[in-house]
PDB file of N, CA and C in Angstrom:
ATOM      1  N   MET A   1      56.315   8.775 -62.455  1.00  0.00           N
ATOM      2  CA  MET A   1      55.291   8.618 -61.434  1.00  0.00           C
ATOM      3  C   MET A   1      55.624   9.505 -60.250  1.00  0.00           C
ATOM      4  N   SER A   2      54.684  10.321 -59.843  1.00  0.00           N
ATOM      5  CA  SER A   2      54.931  11.273 -58.774  1.00  0.00           C
ATOM      6  C   SER A   2      54.750  10.671 -57.389  1.00  0.00           C
ATOM      7  N   GLY A   3      54.070   9.533 -57.282  1.00  0.00           N
ATOM      8  CA  GLY A   3      53.867   8.905 -55.985  1.00  0.00           C
ATOM      9  C   GLY A   3      52.699   9.469 -55.213  1.00  0.00           C
ATOM     10  N   LYS A   4      51.742  10.072 -55.915  1.00  0.00           N
ATOM     11  CA  LYS A   4      50.582  10.658 -55.255  1.00  0.00           C
ATOM     12  C   LYS A   4      49.298  10.155 -55.901  1.00  0.00           C
ATOM     13  N   ILE A   5      48.234  10.079 -55.088  1.00  0.00           N
ATOM     14  CA  ILE A   5      46.906   9.717 -55.556  1.00  0.00           C
ATOM     15  C   ILE A   5      46.005  10.918 -55.329  1.00  0.00           C
ATOM     16  N   ILE A   6      45.269  11.339 -56.348  1.00  0.00           N
ATOM     17  CA  ILE A   6      44.313  12.430 -56.218  1.00  0.00           C
ATOM     18  C   ILE A   6      42.937  11.820 -55.978  1.00  0.00           C
ATOM     19  N   LEU A   7      42.260  12.279 -54.915  1.00  0.00           N
ATOM     20  CA  LEU A   7      40.927  11.772 -54.583  1.00  0.00           C
ATOM     21  C   LEU A   7      39.880  12.794 -55.000  1.00  0.00           C
ATOM     22  N   CYS A   8      38.839  12.316 -55.685  1.00  0.00           N
ATOM     23  CA  CYS A   8      37.757  13.210 -56.086  1.00  0.00           C
ATOM     24  C   CYS A   8      36.440  12.707 -55.491  1.00  0.00           C
ATOM     25  N   CYS A   9      35.575  13.660 -55.181  1.00  0.00           N
ATOM     26  CA  CYS A   9      34.283  13.370 -54.567  1.00  0.00           C
ATOM     27  C   CYS A   9      33.396  12.611 -55.539  1.00  0.00           C
ATOM     28  N   ASP A  10      32.717  11.596 -55.039  1.00  0.00           N
ATOM     29  CA  ASP A  10      31.842  10.785 -55.869  1.00  0.00           C
ATOM     30  C   ASP A  10      30.554  11.531 -56.219  1.00  0.00           C
ATOM     31  N   ARG A  11      30.131  12.440 -55.348  1.00  0.00           N
ATOM     32  CA  ARG A  11      28.874  13.154 -55.551  1.00  0.00           C
ATOM     33  C   ARG A  11      29.028  14.355 -56.493  1.00  0.00           C
ATOM     34  N   CYS A  12      29.992  15.248 -56.208  1.00  0.00           N
ATOM     35  CA  CYS A  12      30.110  16.474 -57.014  1.00  0.00           C
ATOM     36  C   CYS A  12      31.301  16.463 -57.975  1.00  0.00           C
ATOM     37  N   GLY A  13      32.276  15.564 -57.769  1.00  0.00           N
ATOM     38  CA  GLY A  13      33.394  15.444 -58.693  1.00  0.00           C
ATOM     39  C   GLY A  13      34.568  16.363 -58.413  1.00  0.00           C
ATOM     40  N   SER A  14      34.517  17.158 -57.335  1.00  0.00           N
ATOM     41  CA  SER A  14      35.632  18.054 -57.042  1.00  0.00           C
ATOM     42  C   SER A  14      36.816  17.262 -56.486  1.00  0.00           C
ATOM     43  N   ARG A  15      38.010  17.703 -56.829  1.00  0.00           N
ATOM     44  CA  ARG A  15      39.240  17.034 -56.387  1.00  0.00           C
ATOM     45  C   ARG A  15      39.728  17.731 -55.127  1.00  0.00           C
ATOM     46  N   ASN A  16      39.522  17.070 -53.973  1.00  0.00           N
ATOM     47  CA  ASN A  16      39.768  17.695 -52.682  1.00  0.00           C
ATOM     48  C   ASN A  16      41.045  17.252 -51.989  1.00  0.00           C
ATOM     49  N   TYR A  17      41.462  16.020 -52.169  1.00  0.00           N
ATOM     50  CA  TYR A  17      42.546  15.458 -51.375  1.00  0.00           C
ATOM     51  C   TYR A  17      43.637  14.860 -52.242  1.00  0.00           C
ATOM     52  N   VAL A  18      44.868  14.885 -51.712  1.00  0.00           N
ATOM     53  CA  VAL A  18      46.018  14.239 -52.329  1.00  0.00           C
ATOM     54  C   VAL A  18      46.664  13.382 -51.245  1.00  0.00           C
ATOM     55  N   THR A  19      46.871  12.089 -51.530  1.00  0.00           N
ATOM     56  CA  THR A  19      47.499  11.187 -50.584  1.00  0.00           C
ATOM     57  C   THR A  19      48.694  10.511 -51.242  1.00  0.00           C
ATOM     58  N   PRO A  20      49.718  10.150 -50.453  1.00  0.00           N
ATOM     59  CA  PRO A  20      50.864   9.453 -51.038  1.00  0.00           C
ATOM     60  C   PRO A  20      50.521   8.004 -51.356  1.00  0.00           C
ATOM     61  N   VAL A  21      51.224   7.447 -52.325  1.00  0.00           N
ATOM     62  CA  VAL A  21      51.034   6.047 -52.700  1.00  0.00           C
ATOM     63  C   VAL A  21      51.771   5.186 -51.678  1.00  0.00           C
ATOM     64  N   GLY A  22      51.090   4.191 -51.146  1.00  0.00           N
ATOM     65  CA  GLY A  22      51.705   3.292 -50.180  1.00  0.00           C
ATOM     66  C   GLY A  22      52.007   1.952 -50.822  1.00  0.00           C
ATOM     67  N   GLY A  23      53.268   1.666 -51.111  1.00  0.00           N
ATOM     68  CA  GLY A  23      53.640   0.385 -51.705  1.00  0.00           C
ATOM     69  C   GLY A  23      53.370   0.342 -53.186  1.00  0.00           C
ATOM     70  N   LYS A  24      53.036  -0.838 -53.674  1.00  0.00           N
ATOM     71  CA  LYS A  24      52.797  -1.036 -55.103  1.00  0.00           C
ATOM     72  C   LYS A  24      51.432  -0.501 -55.510  1.00  0.00           C
ATOM     73  N   GLN A  25      51.298  -0.154 -56.769  1.00  0.00           N
ATOM     74  CA  GLN A  25      50.023   0.303 -57.307  1.00  0.00           C
ATOM     75  C   GLN A  25      49.044  -0.871 -57.338  1.00  0.00           C
ATOM     76  N   ALA A  26      47.853  -0.653 -56.853  1.00  0.00           N
ATOM     77  CA  ALA A  26      46.818  -1.679 -56.883  1.00  0.00           C
ATOM     78  C   ALA A  26      46.042  -1.591 -58.190  1.00  0.00           C
ATOM     79  N   THR A  27      45.418  -2.679 -58.566  1.00  0.00           N
ATOM     80  CA  THR A  27      44.616  -2.694 -59.788  1.00  0.00           C
ATOM     81  C   THR A  27      43.211  -2.142 -59.540  1.00  0.00           C
ATOM     82  N   VAL A  28      42.792  -2.059 -58.275  1.00  0.00           N
ATOM     83  CA  VAL A  28      41.477  -1.554 -57.909  1.00  0.00           C
ATOM     84  C   VAL A  28      41.627  -0.090 -57.482  1.00  0.00           C
ATOM     85  N   ARG A  29      40.670   0.747 -57.875  1.00  0.00           N
ATOM     86  CA  ARG A  29      40.720   2.157 -57.501  1.00  0.00           C
ATOM     87  C   ARG A  29      40.528   2.325 -55.997  1.00  0.00           C
ATOM     88  N   PHE A  30      41.323   3.198 -55.393  1.00  0.00           N
ATOM     89  CA  PHE A  30      41.288   3.479 -53.965  1.00  0.00           C
ATOM     90  C   PHE A  30      40.026   4.262 -53.633  1.00  0.00           C
ATOM     91  N   THR A  31      39.298   3.852 -52.571  1.00  0.00           N
ATOM     92  CA  THR A  31      38.062   4.510 -52.156  1.00  0.00           C
ATOM     93  C   THR A  31      38.093   4.732 -50.658  1.00  0.00           C
ATOM     94  N   VAL A  32      37.706   5.932 -50.228  1.00  0.00           N
ATOM     95  CA  VAL A  32      37.667   6.262 -48.808  1.00  0.00           C
ATOM     96  C   VAL A  32      36.559   7.298 -48.576  1.00  0.00           C
ATOM     97  N   LYS A  33      35.996   7.301 -47.370  1.00  0.00           N
ATOM     98  CA  LYS A  33      34.948   8.260 -47.040  1.00  0.00           C
ATOM     99  C   LYS A  33      35.599   9.460 -46.342  1.00  0.00           C
ATOM    100  N   LYS A  34      35.456  10.649 -46.945  1.00  0.00           N
ATOM    101  CA  LYS A  34      36.058  11.871 -46.419  1.00  0.00           C
ATOM    102  C   LYS A  34      35.067  13.024 -46.516  1.00  0.00           C
ATOM    103  N   PHE A  35      35.416  14.139 -45.850  1.00  0.00           N
ATOM    104  CA  PHE A  35      34.573  15.330 -45.877  1.00  0.00           C
ATOM    105  C   PHE A  35      34.825  16.118 -47.149  1.00  0.00           C
ATOM    106  N   CYS A  36      33.761  16.489 -47.838  1.00  0.00           N
ATOM    107  CA  CYS A  36      33.840  17.315 -49.043  1.00  0.00           C
ATOM    108  C   CYS A  36      33.363  18.717 -48.688  1.00  0.00           C
ATOM    109  N   SER A  37      34.223  19.710 -48.913  1.00  0.00           N
ATOM    110  CA  SER A  37      33.859  21.091 -48.585  1.00  0.00           C
ATOM    111  C   SER A  37      32.829  21.660 -49.560  1.00  0.00           C
ATOM    112  N   GLN A  38      32.766  21.131 -50.781  1.00  0.00           N
ATOM    113  CA  GLN A  38      31.784  21.603 -51.762  1.00  0.00           C
ATOM    114  C   GLN A  38      30.377  21.096 -51.427  1.00  0.00           C
ATOM    115  N   CYS A  39      30.275  19.812 -51.050  1.00  0.00           N
ATOM    116  CA  CYS A  39      28.984  19.209 -50.694  1.00  0.00           C
ATOM    117  C   CYS A  39      28.607  19.492 -49.238  1.00  0.00           C
ATOM    118  N   ASN A  40      29.604  19.846 -48.429  1.00  0.00           N
ATOM    119  CA  ASN A  40      29.439  20.088 -46.995  1.00  0.00           C
ATOM    120  C   ASN A  40      28.902  18.848 -46.281  1.00  0.00           C
ATOM    121  N   ALA A  41      29.454  17.673 -46.650  1.00  0.00           N
ATOM    122  CA  ALA A  41      29.037  16.399 -46.069  1.00  0.00           C
ATOM    123  C   ALA A  41      30.150  15.373 -46.250  1.00  0.00           C
ATOM    124  N   HIS A  42      30.072  14.273 -45.503  1.00  0.00           N
ATOM    125  CA  HIS A  42      30.998  13.171 -45.678  1.00  0.00           C
ATOM    126  C   HIS A  42      30.508  12.304 -46.838  1.00  0.00           C
ATOM    127  N   THR A  43      31.359  12.156 -47.859  1.00  0.00           N
ATOM    128  CA  THR A  43      30.995  11.404 -49.048  1.00  0.00           C
ATOM    129  C   THR A  43      32.128  10.464 -49.432  1.00  0.00           C
ATOM    130  N   GLU A  44      31.837   9.542 -50.318  1.00  0.00           N
ATOM    131  CA  GLU A  44      32.850   8.648 -50.859  1.00  0.00           C
ATOM    132  C   GLU A  44      33.779   9.429 -51.773  1.00  0.00           C
ATOM    133  N   HIS A  45      35.081   9.235 -51.615  1.00  0.00           N
ATOM    134  CA  HIS A  45      36.070   9.835 -52.490  1.00  0.00           C
ATOM    135  C   HIS A  45      36.817   8.698 -53.171  1.00  0.00           C
ATOM    136  N   LYS A  46      36.907   8.759 -54.506  1.00  0.00           N
ATOM    137  CA  LYS A  46      37.568   7.724 -55.269  1.00  0.00           C
ATOM    138  C   LYS A  46      38.833   8.272 -55.910  1.00  0.00           C
ATOM    139  N   GLN A  47      39.725   7.358 -56.221  1.00  0.00           N
ATOM    140  CA  GLN A  47      40.972   7.729 -56.869  1.00  0.00           C
ATOM    141  C   GLN A  47      40.688   8.270 -58.258  1.00  0.00           C
ATOM    142  N   SER A  48      41.244   9.429 -58.555  1.00  0.00           N
ATOM    143  CA  SER A  48      41.080  10.044 -59.861  1.00  0.00           C
ATOM    144  C   SER A  48      41.989   9.350 -60.868  1.00  0.00           C
ATOM    145  N   ILE A  49      41.564   9.309 -62.117  1.00  0.00           N
ATOM    146  CA  ILE A  49      42.363   8.655 -63.147  1.00  0.00           C
ATOM    147  C   ILE A  49      43.369   9.635 -63.705  1.00  0.00           C
TER     148      ILE A  49
END
């Protein structure tokens, strides 16, 4: 396990962000609203599998 989470845009699917894992792995996928450079808008980014 590398200790990183890859976030991908919910709208276009591009993988834009990498964040470190904080604590134990959760059973629910991590979701956050961030800026996507491909969509040029703030969109939901979900944890990539």
